[in-house]
Amino acid sequence: MSEFKRIAAAQAQTLREQGAAVVDIRDPDSFARVHISGSQHLDNHSLHDFIRAADLDQPLLVVCYHGNSSQSAAAYLVSQGFAEVYSLDGGIEAWQASFPAEVSQNLPT
């Protein structure tokens, strides 16, 4: 794969079940409040360490708020050598709507 692919939540869930890594590029507070279970937060501070330690052949799903920013991040990760990169269409909102039991939430008290 020389480019990333945009996929719907159902396809993303299938990839996740098959062992794809999930990275969330939203801001740290948003990630802390709600994220796909088992996902890893990725930002400018952790990006290079993530790339250095990653299995470039493992499928990678990139998540943001609505599915727009994840496209740029996915394109960048492809340029860094990742072989199979996907951007979640609709972002975390689409995921929550499709798979509410597959999110981790820390709601304010």
Protein backbone atom coordinates (compact mmCIF):
# COMPACT_ATOMS: atom_id res chain seq x y z
CA MET A 1 0.00 0.00 0.00
CA SER A 2 1.59 3.28 -1.05
CA GLU A 3 -1.26 5.46 0.20
CA PHE A 4 -3.56 5.29 3.18
CA LYS A 5 -7.18 4.19 2.86
CA ARG A 6 -10.24 5.80 4.42
CA ILE A 7 -12.47 3.22 6.07
CA ALA A 8 -15.76 3.12 7.96
CA ALA A 9 -16.07 2.08 11.59
CA ALA A 10 -17.21 -1.47 10.74
CA GLN A 11 -14.11 -2.06 8.61
CA ALA A 12 -11.95 -0.50 11.32
CA GLN A 13 -13.39 -2.84 13.92
CA THR A 14 -12.57 -5.84 11.71
CA LEU A 15 -8.99 -4.60 11.31
CA ARG A 16 -8.71 -4.02 15.04
CA GLU A 17 -9.93 -7.56 15.74
CA GLN A 18 -7.24 -8.81 13.33
CA GLY A 19 -4.51 -7.06 15.28
CA ALA A 20 -4.23 -3.59 13.77
CA ALA A 21 -2.66 -0.97 16.01
CA VAL A 22 -4.90 2.02 16.76
CA VAL A 23 -3.47 5.51 17.29
CA ASP A 24 -5.50 8.53 18.31
CA ILE A 25 -4.15 11.95 17.33
CA ARG A 26 -6.63 14.13 19.21
CA ASP A 27 -5.48 16.39 22.03
CA PRO A 28 -4.51 14.67 25.30
CA ASP A 29 -7.58 15.83 27.24
CA SER A 30 -9.99 14.56 24.59
CA PHE A 31 -8.14 11.25 24.44
CA ALA A 32 -8.27 10.97 28.24
CA ARG A 33 -12.03 11.56 28.23
CA VAL A 34 -12.90 8.98 25.58
CA HIS A 35 -10.95 6.78 23.18
CA ILE A 36 -11.13 3.45 21.43
CA SER A 37 -10.27 0.74 23.92
CA GLY A 38 -6.64 -0.29 23.50
CA SER A 39 -5.69 2.71 21.39
CA GLN A 40 -2.52 4.71 21.92
CA HIS A 41 -2.38 8.49 22.07
CA LEU A 42 0.00 9.95 19.52
CA ASP A 43 1.16 13.57 19.36
CA ASN A 44 4.17 15.55 18.19
CA HIS A 45 6.04 14.62 21.37
CA SER A 46 5.54 10.86 21.06
CA LEU A 47 5.48 10.50 17.27
CA HIS A 48 9.18 9.82 16.63
CA ASP A 49 9.46 7.28 19.45
CA PHE A 50 6.32 5.57 18.16
CA ILE A 51 7.72 5.36 14.61
CA ARG A 52 11.08 4.10 15.83
CA ALA A 53 9.49 1.31 17.91
CA ALA A 54 6.65 0.35 15.56
CA ASP A 55 6.26 -2.69 13.37
CA LEU A 56 5.97 -0.94 10.00
CA ASP A 57 4.19 -3.96 8.52
CA GLN A 58 1.44 -4.08 11.16
CA PRO A 59 -1.81 -2.48 9.95
CA LEU A 60 -2.30 0.94 11.56
CA LEU A 61 -5.59 2.75 12.13
CA VAL A 62 -5.44 6.52 12.71
CA VAL A 63 -8.29 8.21 14.61
CA CYS A 64 -9.18 11.88 15.18
CA TYR A 65 -12.38 13.79 15.99
CA HIS A 66 -14.29 13.57 12.70
CA GLY A 67 -11.96 11.83 10.25
CA ASN A 68 -10.28 14.87 8.70
CA SER A 69 -7.02 15.37 10.60
CA SER A 70 -6.41 11.64 10.62
CA GLN A 71 -6.04 11.72 6.84
CA SER A 72 -3.03 14.04 7.03
CA ALA A 73 -1.53 11.98 9.83
CA ALA A 74 -2.13 8.75 7.90
CA ALA A 75 -0.42 10.20 4.80
CA TYR A 76 2.56 11.21 6.95
CA LEU A 77 2.81 7.73 8.48
CA VAL A 78 2.79 6.17 5.02
CA SER A 79 5.66 8.51 4.08
CA GLN A 80 7.53 7.23 7.14
CA GLY A 81 7.42 3.65 5.90
CA PHE A 82 4.23 2.18 7.33
CA ALA A 83 2.95 -0.35 4.83
CA GLU A 84 -0.77 -0.44 5.68
CA VAL A 85 -2.37 2.72 7.10
CA TYR A 86 -6.06 3.54 7.48
CA SER A 87 -7.93 6.69 8.46
CA LEU A 88 -11.22 6.23 10.33
CA ASP A 89 -13.99 8.06 8.46
CA GLY A 90 -16.12 9.97 10.95
CA GLY A 91 -13.45 9.70 13.63
CA ILE A 92 -14.17 8.92 17.26
CA GLU A 93 -17.75 10.15 16.85
CA ALA A 94 -18.49 7.49 14.23
CA TRP A 95 -16.77 4.87 16.36
CA GLN A 96 -18.79 5.76 19.47
CA ALA A 97 -22.02 5.63 17.48
CA SER A 98 -21.15 2.23 16.01
CA PHE A 99 -19.34 0.57 18.92
CA PRO A 100 -20.25 2.29 22.21
CA ALA A 101 -19.07 -0.71 24.22
CA GLU A 102 -15.61 -0.47 22.62
CA VAL A 103 -14.61 2.89 24.12
CA SER A 104 -12.85 3.81 27.32
CA GLN A 105 -14.36 6.82 29.04
CA ASN A 106 -13.25 8.99 31.93
CA LEU A 107 -16.20 11.26 32.47
CA PRO A 108 -15.80 14.33 34.69
CA THR A 109 -17.23 13.96 38.17
